[in-house]
Protein backbone atom coordinates (compact mmCIF):
# COMPACT_ATOMS: atom_id res chain seq x y z
CA MET A 1 -19.00 -21.65 66.73
CA GLY A 2 -15.39 -22.75 67.05
CA ALA A 3 -14.01 -19.35 65.98
CA LYS A 4 -12.37 -17.77 69.00
CA THR A 5 -10.42 -14.54 69.33
CA ARG A 6 -6.85 -15.36 70.35
CA SER A 7 -5.23 -13.39 73.16
CA VAL A 8 -2.38 -11.05 72.31
CA ASP A 9 0.86 -12.22 73.92
CA PRO A 10 3.51 -9.48 74.34
CA GLY A 11 6.38 -12.00 74.20
CA TRP A 12 7.47 -14.91 72.06
CA GLY A 13 8.34 -17.60 74.56
CA PHE A 14 10.39 -19.64 72.07
CA GLY A 15 12.27 -21.27 74.95
CA ARG A 16 9.11 -23.00 76.10
CA GLU A 17 8.38 -24.82 72.85
CA SER A 18 11.36 -24.52 70.54
CA ALA A 19 9.99 -27.07 68.06
CA VAL A 20 6.71 -25.23 67.55
CA MET A 21 6.21 -23.07 64.48
CA ASN A 22 5.49 -19.56 65.77
CA LEU A 23 3.92 -16.73 63.79
CA LYS A 24 3.76 -13.12 64.97
CA PHE A 25 1.93 -10.19 63.36
CA TRP A 26 3.97 -6.96 63.35
CA GLY A 27 1.93 -5.00 60.78
CA VAL A 28 -1.58 -5.74 59.52
CA ARG A 29 -2.85 -2.73 57.56
CA GLY A 30 -2.96 -2.22 53.82
CA SER A 31 -2.16 0.76 51.57
CA ILE A 32 -0.79 3.17 54.19
CA PRO A 33 -0.08 3.25 57.94
CA SER A 34 -3.12 4.30 59.92
CA PRO A 35 -2.26 5.24 63.52
CA SER A 36 -5.03 5.95 66.01
CA THR A 37 -6.25 9.54 66.03
CA GLY A 38 -7.59 11.71 68.82
CA LYS A 39 -11.07 11.03 67.47
CA ASP A 40 -10.49 7.29 67.70
CA ILE A 41 -9.36 7.56 71.31
CA ASP A 42 -12.27 9.86 72.18
CA GLU A 43 -14.77 7.38 70.72
CA LYS A 44 -13.20 4.50 72.65
CA LEU A 45 -13.22 6.45 75.91
CA ARG A 46 -16.89 7.33 75.43
CA ALA A 47 -17.70 3.69 74.69
CA PHE A 48 -15.76 2.61 77.78
CA ILE A 49 -17.64 5.09 79.98
CA ASP A 50 -20.95 3.96 78.50
CA VAL A 51 -20.20 0.31 79.32
CA ALA A 52 -19.02 1.27 82.81
CA GLN A 53 -22.23 3.17 83.53
CA LYS A 54 -24.33 0.22 82.40
CA SER A 55 -22.21 -2.29 84.34
CA SER A 56 -21.55 -0.41 87.56
CA ASP A 57 -22.26 -3.56 89.55
CA ARG A 58 -19.22 -5.23 87.96
CA LEU A 59 -16.74 -2.38 88.50
CA SER A 60 -15.76 -3.90 91.83
CA ARG A 61 -14.76 -7.05 89.93
CA PRO A 62 -12.19 -5.73 87.37
CA ASP A 63 -11.48 -9.07 85.67
CA GLU A 64 -15.15 -9.70 84.99
CA PHE A 65 -15.69 -6.12 83.87
CA LEU A 66 -12.78 -6.21 81.42
CA LYS A 67 -13.87 -9.60 80.08
CA ASN A 68 -17.21 -8.11 79.06
CA LEU A 69 -15.84 -5.04 77.32
CA PRO A 70 -16.26 -4.83 73.51
CA ARG A 71 -13.23 -6.42 71.83
CA HIS A 72 -12.18 -3.29 69.99
CA LEU A 73 -11.63 -1.53 73.35
CA LEU A 74 -9.32 -4.29 74.61
CA HIS A 75 -7.44 -5.39 71.49
CA PRO A 76 -6.51 -2.54 69.11
CA VAL A 77 -5.91 -3.85 65.60
CA GLY A 78 -2.86 -1.70 64.97
CA GLY A 79 -1.88 0.76 62.27
CA ASN A 80 1.38 -0.57 60.76
CA THR A 81 1.46 -2.01 57.25
CA SER A 82 2.23 -5.60 56.33
CA CYS A 83 4.94 -7.46 58.21
CA LEU A 84 4.96 -10.89 59.85
CA GLU A 85 7.62 -13.04 61.48
CA VAL A 86 7.81 -16.84 61.48
CA LYS A 87 10.21 -18.76 63.68
CA HIS A 88 10.79 -22.51 63.82
CA ASN A 89 13.76 -23.95 65.70
CA GLN A 90 16.69 -21.77 64.55
CA SER A 91 15.01 -20.49 61.38
CA ARG A 92 13.49 -17.01 61.21
CA ILE A 93 11.57 -15.75 58.17
CA ILE A 94 10.13 -12.26 57.72
CA LEU A 95 7.14 -11.77 55.44
CA ASP A 96 7.00 -8.32 53.79
CA MET A 97 8.63 -5.05 54.82
CA GLY A 98 5.79 -2.67 55.62
CA SER A 99 6.07 -0.20 58.49
CA GLY A 100 5.67 -3.11 60.93
CA LEU A 101 9.27 -4.01 60.04
CA ARG A 102 10.53 -1.09 62.15
CA PRO A 103 9.38 -2.41 65.57
CA LEU A 104 10.50 -5.91 64.56
CA GLY A 105 13.95 -4.51 63.81
CA VAL A 106 14.08 -2.85 67.21
CA GLU A 107 13.21 -6.18 68.81
CA LEU A 108 15.96 -7.98 66.90
CA SER A 109 18.71 -5.45 67.62
CA PRO A 110 21.04 -5.24 70.62
CA LYS A 111 19.98 -2.70 73.17
CA ILE A 112 22.36 0.09 74.24
CA ASP A 113 22.12 0.98 77.91
CA PHE A 114 23.12 4.61 78.40
CA GLY A 115 22.62 4.35 82.16
CA ASP A 116 20.70 6.70 84.41
CA SER A 117 23.53 8.94 85.63
CA ASP A 118 23.61 11.32 82.68
CA LEU A 119 20.54 12.79 81.08
CA PHE A 120 22.60 13.63 78.00
CA PRO A 121 25.41 11.10 77.48
CA SER A 122 28.47 12.41 75.70
CA LEU A 123 28.10 12.21 71.94
CA ASN A 124 31.88 12.14 71.62
CA ASN A 125 32.23 8.98 73.70
CA PRO A 126 29.18 6.80 73.08
CA PRO A 127 29.09 3.31 74.62
CA PRO A 128 30.50 0.58 72.34
CA PHE A 129 28.06 -1.18 70.03
CA GLU A 130 28.98 -4.86 70.25
CA PRO A 131 26.32 -7.34 69.12
CA ASP A 132 26.86 -10.91 70.29
CA LYS A 133 26.80 -12.07 66.68
CA GLY A 134 25.50 -11.02 63.31
CA LEU A 135 22.02 -11.90 62.09
CA ASP A 136 21.42 -13.82 58.87
CA LEU A 137 17.88 -12.74 58.00
CA VAL A 138 15.60 -13.93 55.21
CA ILE A 139 12.74 -11.74 53.97
CA LEU A 140 10.03 -13.01 51.63
CA LEU A 141 8.59 -10.05 49.72
CA SER A 142 5.15 -10.40 48.16
CA HIS A 143 5.69 -7.38 45.87
CA THR A 144 7.30 -3.96 45.82
CA HIS A 145 4.29 -1.68 46.26
CA TRP A 146 5.17 1.03 48.73
CA ASP A 147 3.15 -0.25 51.69
CA HIS A 148 5.14 -3.51 51.55
CA ILE A 149 8.64 -1.98 51.47
CA GLN A 150 8.32 1.33 53.35
CA GLY A 151 9.64 -0.09 56.63
CA PHE A 152 13.01 -1.13 55.24
CA PRO A 153 14.85 2.23 55.59
CA PHE A 154 14.02 2.11 59.31
CA PHE A 155 14.96 -1.56 59.83
CA THR A 156 17.69 -1.37 62.49
CA PRO A 157 19.46 -4.63 61.49
CA ALA A 158 20.11 -3.10 58.04
CA HIS A 159 22.38 -0.55 59.74
CA ASN A 160 24.64 -3.15 61.39
CA ALA A 161 27.66 -4.34 59.40
CA ALA A 162 27.60 -7.72 61.18
CA ASN A 163 24.26 -8.65 59.58
CA ARG A 164 23.27 -10.13 56.24
CA ILE A 165 19.76 -9.65 54.84
CA THR A 166 18.54 -11.69 51.87
CA ILE A 167 15.32 -10.55 50.23
CA TYR A 168 13.45 -12.98 47.96
CA GLY A 169 10.64 -11.83 45.67
CA GLN A 170 9.31 -11.88 42.13
CA ASP A 171 12.48 -10.43 40.62
CA GLY A 172 15.69 -9.72 42.51
CA ASP A 173 16.80 -6.92 40.17
CA LYS A 174 13.43 -5.20 40.42
CA ILE A 175 13.49 -5.44 44.20
CA ARG A 176 16.84 -3.67 44.33
CA ARG A 177 15.67 -1.02 41.86
CA ALA A 178 12.52 -0.43 43.91
CA LEU A 179 14.51 0.01 47.12
CA ASN A 180 16.95 2.31 45.32
CA ILE A 181 14.12 4.42 43.91
CA GLN A 182 12.62 4.68 47.39
CA GLN A 183 15.90 6.19 48.58
CA THR A 184 17.47 7.66 45.45
CA ALA A 185 17.60 11.31 46.40
CA PRO A 186 18.33 13.09 49.71
CA SER A 187 14.90 14.69 49.34
CA LEU A 188 13.36 11.23 49.73
CA PHE A 189 15.63 9.69 52.37
CA PRO A 190 19.09 10.77 53.58
CA ILE A 191 20.69 7.30 53.30
CA SER A 192 21.03 5.44 50.01
CA LEU A 193 20.60 1.69 49.79
CA ASN A 194 24.37 1.35 49.35
CA GLY A 195 24.79 3.38 52.52
CA PHE A 196 23.35 0.66 54.71
CA GLU A 197 26.06 -1.18 56.60
CA ALA A 198 24.55 -4.67 56.46
CA GLU A 199 25.10 -6.93 53.47
CA ILE A 200 21.86 -6.73 51.48
CA VAL A 201 21.16 -9.34 48.81
CA CYS A 202 18.09 -9.25 46.54
CA ARG A 203 17.16 -12.47 44.78
CA SER A 204 14.39 -13.86 42.61
CA PHE A 205 12.46 -16.55 44.43
CA PRO A 206 13.35 -19.99 43.00
CA GLU A 207 10.99 -21.19 40.29
CA ARG A 208 9.78 -24.12 42.35
CA GLU A 209 10.74 -24.01 46.02
CA MET A 210 13.47 -23.41 48.57
CA THR A 211 14.28 -24.78 52.01
CA LEU A 212 15.36 -22.82 55.05
CA GLY A 213 16.28 -25.02 57.99
CA ASP A 214 13.28 -27.28 58.56
CA ILE A 215 10.90 -25.04 56.57
CA GLU A 216 10.01 -25.78 52.96
CA ILE A 217 8.88 -22.64 51.13
CA ARG A 218 6.89 -22.42 47.92
CA SER A 219 5.45 -19.43 46.09
CA MET A 220 2.56 -18.79 43.72
CA PRO A 221 1.91 -15.73 41.52
CA LEU A 222 -1.28 -13.84 42.38
CA PRO A 223 -3.42 -11.53 40.22
CA HIS A 224 -2.68 -7.97 41.39
CA PRO A 225 -1.61 -4.80 39.54
CA GLY A 226 2.12 -5.38 39.00
CA GLY A 227 1.85 -8.93 40.32
CA SER A 228 2.24 -10.40 43.80
CA LEU A 229 3.45 -13.66 45.35
CA ALA A 230 1.71 -15.91 47.85
CA PHE A 231 3.97 -18.01 50.06
CA LYS A 232 3.48 -21.45 51.59
CA LEU A 233 5.67 -22.29 54.61
CA LYS A 234 5.61 -25.97 55.49
CA THR A 235 7.20 -28.12 58.18
CA GLU A 236 6.57 -31.80 58.91
CA ASP A 237 3.21 -31.07 60.53
CA ARG A 238 2.33 -27.41 59.91
CA ILE A 239 1.42 -25.28 56.89
CA ILE A 240 1.16 -21.47 56.86
CA ILE A 241 -0.18 -19.60 53.83
CA TYR A 242 0.55 -15.90 53.41
CA ALA A 243 -1.48 -14.37 50.58
CA THR A 244 -1.86 -10.61 50.46
CA ASP A 245 -2.92 -8.30 47.61
CA TYR A 246 -4.90 -10.49 45.22
CA GLU A 247 -8.20 -10.42 43.36
CA PHE A 248 -9.33 -13.30 41.20
CA PRO A 249 -11.27 -12.33 38.05
CA SER A 250 -13.70 -15.17 38.81
CA PRO A 251 -14.12 -17.06 42.10
CA GLU A 252 -14.62 -20.24 40.08
CA GLY A 253 -12.00 -19.54 37.40
CA TYR A 254 -8.71 -21.29 36.67
CA GLU A 255 -6.56 -18.97 38.81
CA ALA A 256 -8.83 -19.40 41.83
CA ASP A 257 -8.86 -23.18 41.33
CA GLN A 258 -5.06 -23.29 41.26
CA PHE A 259 -4.90 -21.16 44.39
CA VAL A 260 -7.29 -23.50 46.22
CA LYS A 261 -4.92 -26.37 45.44
CA PHE A 262 -1.99 -24.28 46.68
CA ILE A 263 -3.59 -23.57 50.09
CA GLU A 264 -5.25 -26.97 50.52
CA GLY A 265 -5.12 -28.30 54.08
CA ALA A 266 -3.31 -25.27 55.52
CA ASP A 267 -3.28 -24.86 59.29
CA VAL A 268 -3.15 -21.06 58.97
CA PHE A 269 -4.38 -19.05 55.98
CA ILE A 270 -3.53 -15.35 56.21
CA SER A 271 -5.53 -13.62 53.52
CA ASP A 272 -5.98 -10.15 52.10
CA THR A 273 -9.48 -9.08 53.14
CA GLN A 274 -9.16 -5.34 52.67
CA TYR A 275 -12.74 -4.72 51.54
CA THR A 276 -16.19 -5.52 52.77
CA TYR A 277 -18.42 -7.32 50.27
CA LEU A 278 -20.04 -4.06 49.06
CA GLU A 279 -16.68 -2.27 48.85
CA GLY A 280 -15.33 -5.17 46.80
CA VAL A 281 -18.16 -4.76 44.31
CA ALA A 282 -17.55 -1.01 44.05
CA ARG A 283 -13.76 -1.43 43.72
CA GLU A 284 -13.60 -4.32 41.32
CA GLY A 285 -10.21 -4.43 39.59
CA TRP A 286 -8.33 -2.67 42.40
CA GLY A 287 -6.51 -5.90 43.27
CA HIS A 288 -7.85 -6.68 46.74
CA SER A 289 -10.18 -9.26 48.28
CA THR A 290 -13.08 -9.49 50.71
CA SER A 291 -13.52 -11.57 53.85
CA PHE A 292 -16.47 -13.43 52.30
CA GLY A 293 -14.34 -14.32 49.28
CA ALA A 294 -11.57 -15.57 51.58
CA VAL A 295 -14.09 -17.77 53.42
CA ASP A 296 -15.21 -19.29 50.13
CA LEU A 297 -11.62 -20.13 49.18
CA ALA A 298 -10.76 -21.43 52.65
CA MET A 299 -13.78 -23.74 52.73
CA ARG A 300 -12.98 -25.18 49.33
CA ALA A 301 -9.40 -25.83 50.45
CA GLY A 302 -10.30 -27.26 53.85
CA VAL A 303 -8.02 -24.94 55.81
CA LYS A 304 -8.13 -25.05 59.62
CA SER A 305 -7.96 -21.33 60.41
CA LEU A 306 -8.42 -18.09 58.48
CA TYR A 307 -6.92 -14.77 59.58
CA LEU A 308 -8.29 -11.58 58.03
CA PHE A 309 -5.42 -9.30 57.00
CA HIS A 310 -4.33 -6.19 55.06
CA HIS A 311 -7.07 -4.12 56.69
CA ASP A 312 -8.29 -0.98 54.96
CA PRO A 313 -6.85 2.18 56.57
CA ASP A 314 -10.36 3.69 56.69
CA HIS A 315 -11.73 0.83 58.76
CA SER A 316 -11.82 1.55 62.50
CA ASP A 317 -11.20 -1.14 65.08
CA ALA A 318 -14.94 -1.28 65.79
CA LYS A 319 -15.71 -1.73 62.09
CA LEU A 320 -13.10 -4.49 61.74
CA TYR A 321 -14.48 -6.47 64.68
CA ASP A 322 -17.99 -5.98 63.31
CA SER A 323 -16.74 -7.28 59.96
CA LEU A 324 -15.25 -10.27 61.78
CA ASP A 325 -18.65 -11.06 63.31
CA LYS A 326 -20.35 -10.82 59.91
CA THR A 327 -17.67 -13.04 58.35
CA ARG A 328 -18.13 -15.69 61.03
CA ALA A 329 -21.89 -15.54 60.53
CA TYR A 330 -21.44 -15.95 56.76
CA TYR A 331 -19.24 -18.98 57.37
CA MET A 332 -21.78 -20.52 59.76
CA MET A 333 -24.54 -19.97 57.22
CA LEU A 334 -22.54 -21.89 54.61
CA SER A 335 -21.03 -24.62 56.78
CA GLY A 336 -23.34 -25.15 59.69
CA ASN A 337 -20.59 -26.79 61.74
CA GLY A 338 -18.15 -24.02 62.67
CA GLN A 339 -15.00 -26.16 62.50
CA MET A 340 -12.78 -23.48 60.95
CA THR A 341 -11.35 -20.76 63.18
CA ILE A 342 -11.82 -17.23 61.81
CA ASP A 343 -10.05 -14.31 63.45
CA LEU A 344 -8.52 -10.90 62.85
CA GLY A 345 -4.82 -10.40 62.27
CA VAL A 346 -3.90 -7.81 64.92
CA GLU A 347 -0.50 -6.41 65.85
CA GLY A 348 1.19 -8.45 68.57
CA LEU A 349 -0.91 -11.55 67.94
CA ILE A 350 1.08 -14.78 68.17
CA ILE A 351 -0.14 -18.06 66.72
């Protein structure tokens, strides 16, 4: 039907195609981190054994056996909250600061090699910490709800004096207050915002647009408790839309119509799809969307690919892949042609 699951690439490979706009998912959950539990692993192991017993003739051919495993056994969705990274030429943009920001920060930071000779290196004479150069990072923040800022205290680049981090969002002063509140007292976190070594600048996103390198960035307010921003990242030949935490009062109303114009013709539309259709009905007014609703918007806007995002913490990997199948079927029922790619946002996925 034209909607194919993309493979998860553990590396970026920017050197191969430096002019390509690359997008990587570092955190994909909504509301709260949801790591795998012992029950989750037990259920996956049982499912794996069940498939193996029914496909014993293929066990001697590992590649074929693995290819036929259910997707949720091969590609875990991940449990970190919202964080994405976009890179184009020399420009790097981070979208949101959920718990997925922590592993991204580790990836961006210089590695200290303590060597193998000493199990416990001397704390009095640690190896020198000498980054090649400081990072000038830009973060686009959709809003300051906790699941979108909770990764920042653990963002390694924020603890390096050579770095500068500029955070753009709805209101620069409110962003700084939110981060301060998150870390006001030692009982909440032992380091205050002013205690971070990096230069941290919080700014209101420009009223119209801004440009970073070759990327033109625009924002649009979204209906969500406390407000939220959608972002459009555009180069000469690519458009990425990042729209998390929104719920339109009417799918045919003025706000939805304006949003359709905003996302029109996008190559990649990353959309909040936290609820199933029935959950969306039961939780009307909570500020989140459904995958069917995202399909409706994407079809009206003529986008090329839709990625389901901001997954509910109660939804298992199996449930999310089942929801993906139902969403693709809904799209096929409406379109009949299957030209739009529909997939899950999973941690480690690179587009």
